[in-house]
Structures are given as structure tokens and as C-alpha cells.
């Protein structure tokens, strides 16, 4: 429903949103399958409240991954479609790609084996693992009390991956509380309002934001110290927003940021 509204309101993003909607349709049964799987329970039982992403490996996971690539192919663009075809057909490269992504390593080796660039290749393990990691994170319960990873850039206390975006919302004791939303497992965790999640900058003069009338509930948060940005979704302005969907649709905010020479802390699923 949210995708349809954004397509109507922002037709320039309709094609991106149509593909993303298909991805969501394919992720939904993966999430449902993961809910009762033994490997999800093992992944959720990592030390110190952290996810054990190494559990997302093995014969069954690799088979599901190749099927996911096959099902994505008909809706994919000219860059992703040939990669999907090769992944669906090649057992060993698919397994190696998934293992490399789970380990957090570079994808250059699997990309060379598949004859493609690493950047678009990342879409496949990330899109496949998102619903699995989200299901595992939900079994962990609330993030309150979870061990935060020290240092910068800020990383998810559940899976250690980078945040996709900021969330602003009112809470009983805090107006405009800020949370970061993980790009992989969708965990949201509290973060200081006036601090750069990329480098820890807290000087107000170095922290700026950019807004546009086209997206009254979104804005770009930039840090002039490290030249990094990410988007903020203000749920107080639009409580019906679906943050990852709205973030992806607001392409013009990314174009503005890139035009200013900024780099995104974590690109979204479609590489924007």
C-alpha cells in the first residue's frame, strides 16, 4: 500500500519502487520460513545478545539463496538480471558470495568468478539475508541492554552492520527521540540526537541538514567534518511512513547530497 501511494505521489521513482515491491514480495516468504527454522534460533543465540550470522550458511540456505536469485531475475534491470541468472545456475559461486557477505569481507573474489562488478553483486546477499536477519533479531527481543559496539562509524548492536537511516519519533519521556535503523536486520537503537554516526562529531556548526518541500518528513543529515550523510525519516510528521521504502523513493535527496560531494554512510538496497 505504501509503495502504491509513493508511486502516485512521486512518479519519477515509480520504476525503482516497482522493483523494490517485487523484492519485498520475495522476502516475505523467506521471513515466514525463517520464523520456525532451527538455524534462525541458533543465529539468535549469539554471545552477548549479538546475532551469529555464521549460521546463515550451509546447504539449505544456499539452496534458498539460488532460488531467490532465480525469482528476482524477471523483475531485475539490465545490470542485475544477468548476475541473477549466473547465481541461480552456479552452486559454488553463490555459496562463496553468501559466505563472503556474512563474514563482512570484500566481494571482489565472487564478483570476478561471476564476471560482474562487486557493487551490484552486493544486492543479492543483502536482499536475501535481510528477512532472515530480521527474524533472528526479533527472537533476541528488545535492544535495551544489548552491548553497543564502541567507536565509529556506529554499528548495529545486534548484527554489527551499518545503519541505513535515522528515525525521529516522540516517546513518553523524550520528544524527538533519535534511533538508527540497521540496514540488515532492521533493529532500531537509540543514538544521541546531535552526533554524527559516522565520525562522532558533536559540534553543532559541523552538523547540518537539508530539506525539500517534496518530502516534508525526510531530510538529509550531513556532517561537514567527515563528509558523510544519511537520511532522517521524521515519523512525527508522517506516521504512515515506512522508513526503508520512503528512504529509497526519495532519490532526489541522494542526488542533492552527491552533488554536494557527500558520501552516504550506508547505501540502500538498490545502491542509492
C-alpha atoms as a PDB file:
ATOM      1  CA  UNK A   1       0.000   0.000   0.000  1.00  0.00           C
ATOM      2  CA  UNK A   2       2.810   2.424   0.863  1.00  0.00           C
ATOM      3  CA  UNK A   3       4.619   1.648  -2.391  1.00  0.00           C
ATOM      4  CA  UNK A   4       1.497   2.468  -4.420  1.00  0.00           C
ATOM      5  CA  UNK A   5       0.999   5.810  -2.667  1.00  0.00           C
ATOM      6  CA  UNK A   6       4.610   6.825  -3.198  1.00  0.00           C
ATOM      7  CA  UNK A   7       4.450   5.800  -6.853  1.00  0.00           C
ATOM      8  CA  UNK A   8       1.425   8.057  -7.318  1.00  0.00           C
ATOM      9  CA  UNK A   9       2.941  10.975  -5.411  1.00  0.00           C
ATOM     10  CA  UNK A  10       6.464  10.627  -6.849  1.00  0.00           C
ATOM     11  CA  UNK A  11       6.194   9.119 -10.356  1.00  0.00           C
ATOM     12  CA  UNK A  12       9.889   9.663 -11.064  1.00  0.00           C
ATOM     13  CA  UNK A  13      10.613   6.893  -8.526  1.00  0.00           C
ATOM     14  CA  UNK A  14       7.896   4.532  -9.801  1.00  0.00           C
ATOM     15  CA  UNK A  15      10.255   2.112 -11.545  1.00  0.00           C
ATOM     16  CA  UNK A  16      12.543   1.784  -8.535  1.00  0.00           C
ATOM     17  CA  UNK A  17       9.565   1.269  -6.273  1.00  0.00           C
ATOM     18  CA  UNK A  18       8.040  -1.378  -8.551  1.00  0.00           C
ATOM     19  CA  UNK A  19      11.222  -3.423  -8.393  1.00  0.00           C
ATOM     20  CA  UNK A  20      11.521  -2.932  -4.646  1.00  0.00           C
ATOM     21  CA  UNK A  21       7.928  -4.084  -4.217  1.00  0.00           C
ATOM     22  CA  UNK A  22       8.812  -7.309  -6.031  1.00  0.00           C
ATOM     23  CA  UNK A  23      11.802  -7.786  -3.746  1.00  0.00           C
ATOM     24  CA  UNK A  24       9.558  -7.328  -0.703  1.00  0.00           C
ATOM     25  CA  UNK A  25       7.178  -9.945  -2.099  1.00  0.00           C
ATOM     26  CA  UNK A  26      10.056 -12.406  -2.360  1.00  0.00           C
ATOM     27  CA  UNK A  27      11.373 -11.546   1.095  1.00  0.00           C
ATOM     28  CA  UNK A  28       8.045 -12.178   2.797  1.00  0.00           C
ATOM     29  CA  UNK A  29       8.029 -15.995   2.430  1.00  0.00           C
ATOM     30  CA  UNK A  30      11.682 -16.098   3.462  1.00  0.00           C
ATOM     31  CA  UNK A  31      10.774 -14.302   6.664  1.00  0.00           C
ATOM     32  CA  UNK A  32       7.899 -16.719   7.259  1.00  0.00           C
ATOM     33  CA  UNK A  33      10.098 -19.743   6.604  1.00  0.00           C
ATOM     34  CA  UNK A  34      12.773 -18.409   8.938  1.00  0.00           C
ATOM     35  CA  UNK A  35      10.406 -17.905  11.863  1.00  0.00           C
ATOM     36  CA  UNK A  36      10.389 -21.588  12.826  1.00  0.00           C
ATOM     37  CA  UNK A  37      13.757 -22.687  11.437  1.00  0.00           C
ATOM     38  CA  UNK A  38      16.411 -24.149  13.696  1.00  0.00           C
ATOM     39  CA  UNK A  39      19.147 -22.071  12.065  1.00  0.00           C
ATOM     40  CA  UNK A  40      17.282 -18.875  12.977  1.00  0.00           C
ATOM     41  CA  UNK A  41      17.174 -19.939  16.619  1.00  0.00           C
ATOM     42  CA  UNK A  42      20.914 -20.632  16.512  1.00  0.00           C
ATOM     43  CA  UNK A  43      21.595 -17.283  14.833  1.00  0.00           C
ATOM     44  CA  UNK A  44      19.594 -15.504  17.541  1.00  0.00           C
ATOM     45  CA  UNK A  45      21.574 -17.232  20.283  1.00  0.00           C
ATOM     46  CA  UNK A  46      24.854 -15.496  19.600  1.00  0.00           C
ATOM     47  CA  UNK A  47      27.030 -14.324  22.509  1.00  0.00           C
ATOM     48  CA  UNK A  48      26.102 -11.132  24.337  1.00  0.00           C
ATOM     49  CA  UNK A  49      22.822 -10.614  22.523  1.00  0.00           C
ATOM     50  CA  UNK A  50      24.536 -10.444  19.130  1.00  0.00           C
ATOM     51  CA  UNK A  51      23.371 -12.351  16.076  1.00  0.00           C
ATOM     52  CA  UNK A  52      25.555 -15.230  14.935  1.00  0.00           C
ATOM     53  CA  UNK A  53      25.481 -14.507  11.215  1.00  0.00           C
ATOM     54  CA  UNK A  54      27.676 -17.544  10.543  1.00  0.00           C
ATOM     55  CA  UNK A  55      24.521 -19.631  10.935  1.00  0.00           C
ATOM     56  CA  UNK A  56      23.319 -18.249   7.607  1.00  0.00           C
ATOM     57  CA  UNK A  57      25.332 -20.782   5.671  1.00  0.00           C
ATOM     58  CA  UNK A  58      25.010 -24.396   4.706  1.00  0.00           C
ATOM     59  CA  UNK A  59      23.168 -26.429   2.111  1.00  0.00           C
ATOM     60  CA  UNK A  60      19.602 -25.308   2.847  1.00  0.00           C
ATOM     61  CA  UNK A  61      20.482 -21.596   2.999  1.00  0.00           C
ATOM     62  CA  UNK A  62      22.488 -21.793  -0.231  1.00  0.00           C
ATOM     63  CA  UNK A  63      19.619 -23.552  -1.990  1.00  0.00           C
ATOM     64  CA  UNK A  64      17.175 -20.847  -0.863  1.00  0.00           C
ATOM     65  CA  UNK A  65      19.619 -18.171  -1.989  1.00  0.00           C
ATOM     66  CA  UNK A  66      19.880 -19.568  -5.502  1.00  0.00           C
ATOM     67  CA  UNK A  67      16.086 -19.821  -5.716  1.00  0.00           C
ATOM     68  CA  UNK A  68      15.804 -16.200  -4.579  1.00  0.00           C
ATOM     69  CA  UNK A  69      18.196 -15.104  -7.341  1.00  0.00           C
ATOM     70  CA  UNK A  70      16.166 -17.052  -9.902  1.00  0.00           C
ATOM     71  CA  UNK A  71      12.906 -15.450  -8.759  1.00  0.00           C
ATOM     72  CA  UNK A  72      14.373 -11.917  -8.788  1.00  0.00           C
ATOM     73  CA  UNK A  73      15.661 -12.188 -12.343  1.00  0.00           C
ATOM     74  CA  UNK A  74      12.421 -11.476 -14.275  1.00  0.00           C
ATOM     75  CA  UNK A  75      11.926  -8.148 -12.482  1.00  0.00           C
ATOM     76  CA  UNK A  76      15.598  -7.108 -12.425  1.00  0.00           C
ATOM     77  CA  UNK A  77      17.180  -4.421 -14.583  1.00  0.00           C
ATOM     78  CA  UNK A  78      19.809  -4.958 -17.256  1.00  0.00           C
ATOM     79  CA  UNK A  79      22.615  -4.919 -14.678  1.00  0.00           C
ATOM     80  CA  UNK A  80      21.127  -7.269 -12.084  1.00  0.00           C
ATOM     81  CA  UNK A  81      19.345  -9.741 -14.385  1.00  0.00           C
ATOM     82  CA  UNK A  82      22.471 -11.431 -15.839  1.00  0.00           C
ATOM     83  CA  UNK A  83      24.017 -11.656 -12.364  1.00  0.00           C
ATOM     84  CA  UNK A  84      20.825 -13.284 -11.065  1.00  0.00           C
ATOM     85  CA  UNK A  85      20.938 -15.819 -13.899  1.00  0.00           C
ATOM     86  CA  UNK A  86      24.530 -16.798 -13.093  1.00  0.00           C
ATOM     87  CA  UNK A  87      23.834 -17.060  -9.361  1.00  0.00           C
ATOM     88  CA  UNK A  88      20.782 -19.242  -9.906  1.00  0.00           C
ATOM     89  CA  UNK A  89      22.773 -21.646 -12.061  1.00  0.00           C
ATOM     90  CA  UNK A  90      26.126 -21.742 -10.258  1.00  0.00           C
ATOM     91  CA  UNK A  91      26.138 -23.524  -6.910  1.00  0.00           C
ATOM     92  CA  UNK A  92      29.712 -22.832  -5.825  1.00  0.00           C
ATOM     93  CA  UNK A  93      29.942 -19.080  -6.653  1.00  0.00           C
ATOM     94  CA  UNK A  94      26.577 -18.485  -4.967  1.00  0.00           C
ATOM     95  CA  UNK A  95      27.739 -20.203  -1.781  1.00  0.00           C
ATOM     96  CA  UNK A  96      31.028 -18.304  -1.826  1.00  0.00           C
ATOM     97  CA  UNK A  97      29.228 -14.983  -2.285  1.00  0.00           C
ATOM     98  CA  UNK A  98      26.886 -15.616   0.618  1.00  0.00           C
ATOM     99  CA  UNK A  99      29.760 -16.681   2.867  1.00  0.00           C
ATOM    100  CA  UNK A 100      31.792 -13.585   1.943  1.00  0.00           C
ATOM    101  CA  UNK A 101      28.892 -11.260   2.704  1.00  0.00           C
ATOM    102  CA  UNK A 102      28.130 -12.963   6.018  1.00  0.00           C
ATOM    103  CA  UNK A 103      31.786 -12.592   7.013  1.00  0.00           C
ATOM    104  CA  UNK A 104      31.700  -8.901   6.124  1.00  0.00           C
ATOM    105  CA  UNK A 105      34.508  -9.305   3.626  1.00  0.00           C
ATOM    106  CA  UNK A 106      35.039  -7.835   0.186  1.00  0.00           C
ATOM    107  CA  UNK A 107      33.062  -9.301  -2.693  1.00  0.00           C
ATOM    108  CA  UNK A 108      35.820  -8.910  -5.290  1.00  0.00           C
ATOM    109  CA  UNK A 109      36.533 -12.638  -5.489  1.00  0.00           C
ATOM    110  CA  UNK A 110      32.919 -13.767  -6.057  1.00  0.00           C
ATOM    111  CA  UNK A 111      32.429 -10.836  -8.442  1.00  0.00           C
ATOM    112  CA  UNK A 112      35.397 -11.954 -10.549  1.00  0.00           C
ATOM    113  CA  UNK A 113      34.069 -15.523 -10.621  1.00  0.00           C
ATOM    114  CA  UNK A 114      30.677 -14.278 -11.788  1.00  0.00           C
ATOM    115  CA  UNK A 115      32.060 -11.757 -14.261  1.00  0.00           C
ATOM    116  CA  UNK A 116      30.479  -8.669 -12.712  1.00  0.00           C
ATOM    117  CA  UNK A 117      31.252  -5.671 -10.517  1.00  0.00           C
ATOM    118  CA  UNK A 118      31.140  -6.020  -6.687  1.00  0.00           C
ATOM    119  CA  UNK A 119      28.720  -3.095  -6.145  1.00  0.00           C
ATOM    120  CA  UNK A 120      25.640  -4.528  -7.909  1.00  0.00           C
ATOM    121  CA  UNK A 121      26.510  -8.033  -6.729  1.00  0.00           C
ATOM    122  CA  UNK A 122      26.008  -6.939  -3.109  1.00  0.00           C
ATOM    123  CA  UNK A 123      22.293  -6.542  -3.749  1.00  0.00           C
ATOM    124  CA  UNK A 124      21.744 -10.310  -3.824  1.00  0.00           C
ATOM    125  CA  UNK A 125      23.133 -11.484  -0.457  1.00  0.00           C
ATOM    126  CA  UNK A 126      21.859  -8.361   1.257  1.00  0.00           C
ATOM    127  CA  UNK A 127      18.316  -8.657  -0.111  1.00  0.00           C
ATOM    128  CA  UNK A 128      18.249 -12.371   0.664  1.00  0.00           C
ATOM    129  CA  UNK A 129      19.607 -12.089   4.203  1.00  0.00           C
ATOM    130  CA  UNK A 130      17.524  -9.099   5.324  1.00  0.00           C
ATOM    131  CA  UNK A 131      14.366 -11.101   6.203  1.00  0.00           C
ATOM    132  CA  UNK A 132      16.429 -13.857   7.827  1.00  0.00           C
ATOM    133  CA  UNK A 133      18.423 -11.416   9.951  1.00  0.00           C
ATOM    134  CA  UNK A 134      15.250  -9.540  10.878  1.00  0.00           C
ATOM    135  CA  UNK A 135      13.565 -12.762  12.022  1.00  0.00           C
ATOM    136  CA  UNK A 136      16.605 -13.664  14.116  1.00  0.00           C
ATOM    137  CA  UNK A 137      16.837 -10.168  15.623  1.00  0.00           C
ATOM    138  CA  UNK A 138      13.199 -10.292  16.661  1.00  0.00           C
ATOM    139  CA  UNK A 139      13.873 -13.503  18.581  1.00  0.00           C
ATOM    140  CA  UNK A 140      16.541 -11.617  20.526  1.00  0.00           C
ATOM    141  CA  UNK A 141      13.904  -9.265  21.930  1.00  0.00           C
ATOM    142  CA  UNK A 142      14.453  -5.582  22.710  1.00  0.00           C
ATOM    143  CA  UNK A 143      17.792  -3.893  22.118  1.00  0.00           C
ATOM    144  CA  UNK A 144      17.737  -2.275  25.581  1.00  0.00           C
ATOM    145  CA  UNK A 145      20.768  -3.561  27.430  1.00  0.00           C
ATOM    146  CA  UNK A 146      22.388  -5.028  24.307  1.00  0.00           C
ATOM    147  CA  UNK A 147      26.120  -4.360  24.125  1.00  0.00           C
ATOM    148  CA  UNK A 148      26.845  -1.429  21.846  1.00  0.00           C
ATOM    149  CA  UNK A 149      29.897  -1.643  19.646  1.00  0.00           C
ATOM    150  CA  UNK A 150      32.311   1.145  20.631  1.00  0.00           C
ATOM    151  CA  UNK A 151      33.793   3.536  18.127  1.00  0.00           C
ATOM    152  CA  UNK A 152      32.679   4.967  14.827  1.00  0.00           C
ATOM    153  CA  UNK A 153      31.019   4.527  12.467  1.00  0.00           C
ATOM    154  CA  UNK A 154      28.072   3.476  14.604  1.00  0.00           C
ATOM    155  CA  UNK A 155      27.108  -0.159  14.156  1.00  0.00           C
ATOM    156  CA  UNK A 156      24.047  -2.193  14.990  1.00  0.00           C
ATOM    157  CA  UNK A 157      24.174  -3.777  18.458  1.00  0.00           C
ATOM    158  CA  UNK A 158      22.540  -6.921  17.036  1.00  0.00           C
ATOM    159  CA  UNK A 159      24.436  -7.704  13.833  1.00  0.00           C
ATOM    160  CA  UNK A 160      27.262  -5.179  13.633  1.00  0.00           C
ATOM    161  CA  UNK A 161      26.193  -3.701  10.302  1.00  0.00           C
ATOM    162  CA  UNK A 162      25.847  -0.011   9.450  1.00  0.00           C
ATOM    163  CA  UNK A 163      22.637   1.977   9.890  1.00  0.00           C
ATOM    164  CA  UNK A 164      20.528   2.748   6.844  1.00  0.00           C
ATOM    165  CA  UNK A 165      18.783   5.827   8.220  1.00  0.00           C
ATOM    166  CA  UNK A 166      17.714   7.917  11.199  1.00  0.00           C
ATOM    167  CA  UNK A 167      14.283   7.767  12.784  1.00  0.00           C
ATOM    168  CA  UNK A 168      12.760  10.615  14.785  1.00  0.00           C
ATOM    169  CA  UNK A 169       9.712   9.960  16.941  1.00  0.00           C
ATOM    170  CA  UNK A 170       8.235  11.120  20.203  1.00  0.00           C
ATOM    171  CA  UNK A 171       8.434   8.853  23.230  1.00  0.00           C
ATOM    172  CA  UNK A 172       6.745   9.223  26.622  1.00  0.00           C
ATOM    173  CA  UNK A 173       9.794  10.851  28.174  1.00  0.00           C
ATOM    174  CA  UNK A 174      11.623  12.174  25.092  1.00  0.00           C
ATOM    175  CA  UNK A 175      10.398  14.456  22.334  1.00  0.00           C
ATOM    176  CA  UNK A 176      12.033  13.730  19.008  1.00  0.00           C
ATOM    177  CA  UNK A 177      13.996  10.709  20.196  1.00  0.00           C
ATOM    178  CA  UNK A 178      16.547   9.585  17.639  1.00  0.00           C
ATOM    179  CA  UNK A 179      17.061   5.985  16.605  1.00  0.00           C
ATOM    180  CA  UNK A 180      19.304   4.467  13.977  1.00  0.00           C
ATOM    181  CA  UNK A 181      17.789   1.709  11.838  1.00  0.00           C
ATOM    182  CA  UNK A 182      20.042  -1.176  10.829  1.00  0.00           C
ATOM    183  CA  UNK A 183      20.389  -1.765   7.089  1.00  0.00           C
ATOM    184  CA  UNK A 184      20.441  -5.545   7.520  1.00  0.00           C
ATOM    185  CA  UNK A 185      18.389  -6.770  10.485  1.00  0.00           C
ATOM    186  CA  UNK A 186      16.090  -3.702  10.885  1.00  0.00           C
ATOM    187  CA  UNK A 187      16.998  -3.269  14.549  1.00  0.00           C
ATOM    188  CA  UNK A 188      16.424   0.285  15.778  1.00  0.00           C
ATOM    189  CA  UNK A 189      18.614   1.583  18.591  1.00  0.00           C
ATOM    190  CA  UNK A 190      18.865   4.859  20.467  1.00  0.00           C
ATOM    191  CA  UNK A 191      21.552   7.297  19.417  1.00  0.00           C
ATOM    192  CA  UNK A 192      22.404  10.840  20.566  1.00  0.00           C
ATOM    193  CA  UNK A 193      20.425  13.451  18.648  1.00  0.00           C
ATOM    194  CA  UNK A 194      23.330  15.809  17.912  1.00  0.00           C
ATOM    195  CA  UNK A 195      26.098  13.409  16.928  1.00  0.00           C
ATOM    196  CA  UNK A 196      27.409  12.188  13.598  1.00  0.00           C
ATOM    197  CA  UNK A 197      27.049   8.382  13.448  1.00  0.00           C
ATOM    198  CA  UNK A 198      29.942   8.193  11.009  1.00  0.00           C
ATOM    199  CA  UNK A 199      32.669  10.014  12.965  1.00  0.00           C
ATOM    200  CA  UNK A 200      31.174  11.071  16.320  1.00  0.00           C
ATOM    201  CA  UNK A 201      31.249  14.817  15.577  1.00  0.00           C
ATOM    202  CA  UNK A 202      29.119  16.798  18.063  1.00  0.00           C
ATOM    203  CA  UNK A 203      29.857  20.431  17.178  1.00  0.00           C
ATOM    204  CA  UNK A 204      26.613  21.989  16.017  1.00  0.00           C
ATOM    205  CA  UNK A 205      28.317  24.070  13.334  1.00  0.00           C
ATOM    206  CA  UNK A 206      29.545  20.899  11.622  1.00  0.00           C
ATOM    207  CA  UNK A 207      26.172  19.138  11.629  1.00  0.00           C
ATOM    208  CA  UNK A 208      23.743  20.417   9.014  1.00  0.00           C
ATOM    209  CA  UNK A 209      20.590  19.236   7.339  1.00  0.00           C
ATOM    210  CA  UNK A 210      18.825  19.724   4.021  1.00  0.00           C
ATOM    211  CA  UNK A 211      15.073  19.606   3.461  1.00  0.00           C
ATOM    212  CA  UNK A 212      12.777  19.822   0.450  1.00  0.00           C
ATOM    213  CA  UNK A 213       9.076  20.544   0.126  1.00  0.00           C
ATOM    214  CA  UNK A 214       8.617  17.341  -1.884  1.00  0.00           C
ATOM    215  CA  UNK A 215       9.489  15.249   1.174  1.00  0.00           C
ATOM    216  CA  UNK A 216       8.348  17.116   4.304  1.00  0.00           C
ATOM    217  CA  UNK A 217       9.048  14.117   6.563  1.00  0.00           C
ATOM    218  CA  UNK A 218      12.523  13.376   5.188  1.00  0.00           C
ATOM    219  CA  UNK A 219      15.765  15.281   5.277  1.00  0.00           C
ATOM    220  CA  UNK A 220      19.468  14.799   4.674  1.00  0.00           C
ATOM    221  CA  UNK A 221      21.666  14.923   7.784  1.00  0.00           C
ATOM    222  CA  UNK A 222      25.219  15.834   6.819  1.00  0.00           C
ATOM    223  CA  UNK A 223      28.477  16.105   8.714  1.00  0.00           C
ATOM    224  CA  UNK A 224      30.935  18.578   7.244  1.00  0.00           C
ATOM    225  CA  UNK A 225      33.757  17.099   9.316  1.00  0.00           C
ATOM    226  CA  UNK A 226      33.756  13.721   7.586  1.00  0.00           C
ATOM    227  CA  UNK A 227      31.670  14.499   4.502  1.00  0.00           C
ATOM    228  CA  UNK A 228      29.128  11.793   5.288  1.00  0.00           C
ATOM    229  CA  UNK A 229      25.338  11.869   5.176  1.00  0.00           C
ATOM    230  CA  UNK A 230      22.308   9.752   5.824  1.00  0.00           C
ATOM    231  CA  UNK A 231      18.601  10.403   5.604  1.00  0.00           C
ATOM    232  CA  UNK A 232      16.258  11.022   8.511  1.00  0.00           C
ATOM    233  CA  UNK A 233      12.635   9.900   8.483  1.00  0.00           C
ATOM    234  CA  UNK A 234      10.546  12.018  10.873  1.00  0.00           C
ATOM    235  CA  UNK A 235       7.644   9.838  11.977  1.00  0.00           C
ATOM    236  CA  UNK A 236       6.147  12.791  13.863  1.00  0.00           C
ATOM    237  CA  UNK A 237       5.454  14.469  10.523  1.00  0.00           C
ATOM    238  CA  UNK A 238       4.209  11.358   8.729  1.00  0.00           C
ATOM    239  CA  UNK A 239       3.281   8.469  10.971  1.00  0.00           C
ATOM    240  CA  UNK A 240       2.295   6.351   7.963  1.00  0.00           C
ATOM    241  CA  UNK A 241       5.802   6.344   6.516  1.00  0.00           C
ATOM    242  CA  UNK A 242       7.538   3.009   6.024  1.00  0.00           C
ATOM    243  CA  UNK A 243      11.117   4.201   6.572  1.00  0.00           C
ATOM    244  CA  UNK A 244      13.098   1.898   4.213  1.00  0.00           C
ATOM    245  CA  UNK A 245      10.533   2.409   1.432  1.00  0.00           C
ATOM    246  CA  UNK A 246      10.346   6.191   1.833  1.00  0.00           C
ATOM    247  CA  UNK A 247      14.137   6.447   2.082  1.00  0.00           C
ATOM    248  CA  UNK A 248      14.570   4.583  -1.186  1.00  0.00           C
ATOM    249  CA  UNK A 249      11.920   6.610  -3.006  1.00  0.00           C
ATOM    250  CA  UNK A 250      13.487   9.977  -2.130  1.00  0.00           C
ATOM    251  CA  UNK A 251      16.098   9.722  -4.861  1.00  0.00           C
ATOM    252  CA  UNK A 252      16.386  13.483  -5.307  1.00  0.00           C
ATOM    253  CA  UNK A 253      17.760  13.852  -1.786  1.00  0.00           C
ATOM    254  CA  UNK A 254      20.583  11.470  -2.655  1.00  0.00           C
ATOM    255  CA  UNK A 255      21.251  13.331  -5.894  1.00  0.00           C
ATOM    256  CA  UNK A 256      21.470  16.596  -3.962  1.00  0.00           C
ATOM    257  CA  UNK A 257      23.881  15.074  -1.435  1.00  0.00           C
ATOM    258  CA  UNK A 258      26.118  13.574  -4.106  1.00  0.00           C
ATOM    259  CA  UNK A 259      26.135  16.929  -5.851  1.00  0.00           C
ATOM    260  CA  UNK A 260      27.499  18.447  -2.647  1.00  0.00           C
ATOM    261  CA  UNK A 261      30.339  15.934  -2.620  1.00  0.00           C
ATOM    262  CA  UNK A 262      28.931  13.927   0.287  1.00  0.00           C
ATOM    263  CA  UNK A 263      29.214  10.167   0.738  1.00  0.00           C
ATOM    264  CA  UNK A 264      26.402   8.070   2.165  1.00  0.00           C
ATOM    265  CA  UNK A 265      27.135   6.187   5.374  1.00  0.00           C
ATOM    266  CA  UNK A 266      25.262   3.147   4.041  1.00  0.00           C
ATOM    267  CA  UNK A 267      23.699   2.866   0.603  1.00  0.00           C
ATOM    268  CA  UNK A 268      20.201   1.425   0.454  1.00  0.00           C
ATOM    269  CA  UNK A 269      19.332  -1.941  -1.019  1.00  0.00           C
ATOM    270  CA  UNK A 270      19.264  -0.625  -4.581  1.00  0.00           C
ATOM    271  CA  UNK A 271      22.670   1.005  -4.250  1.00  0.00           C
ATOM    272  CA  UNK A 272      21.477   4.611  -3.867  1.00  0.00           C
END
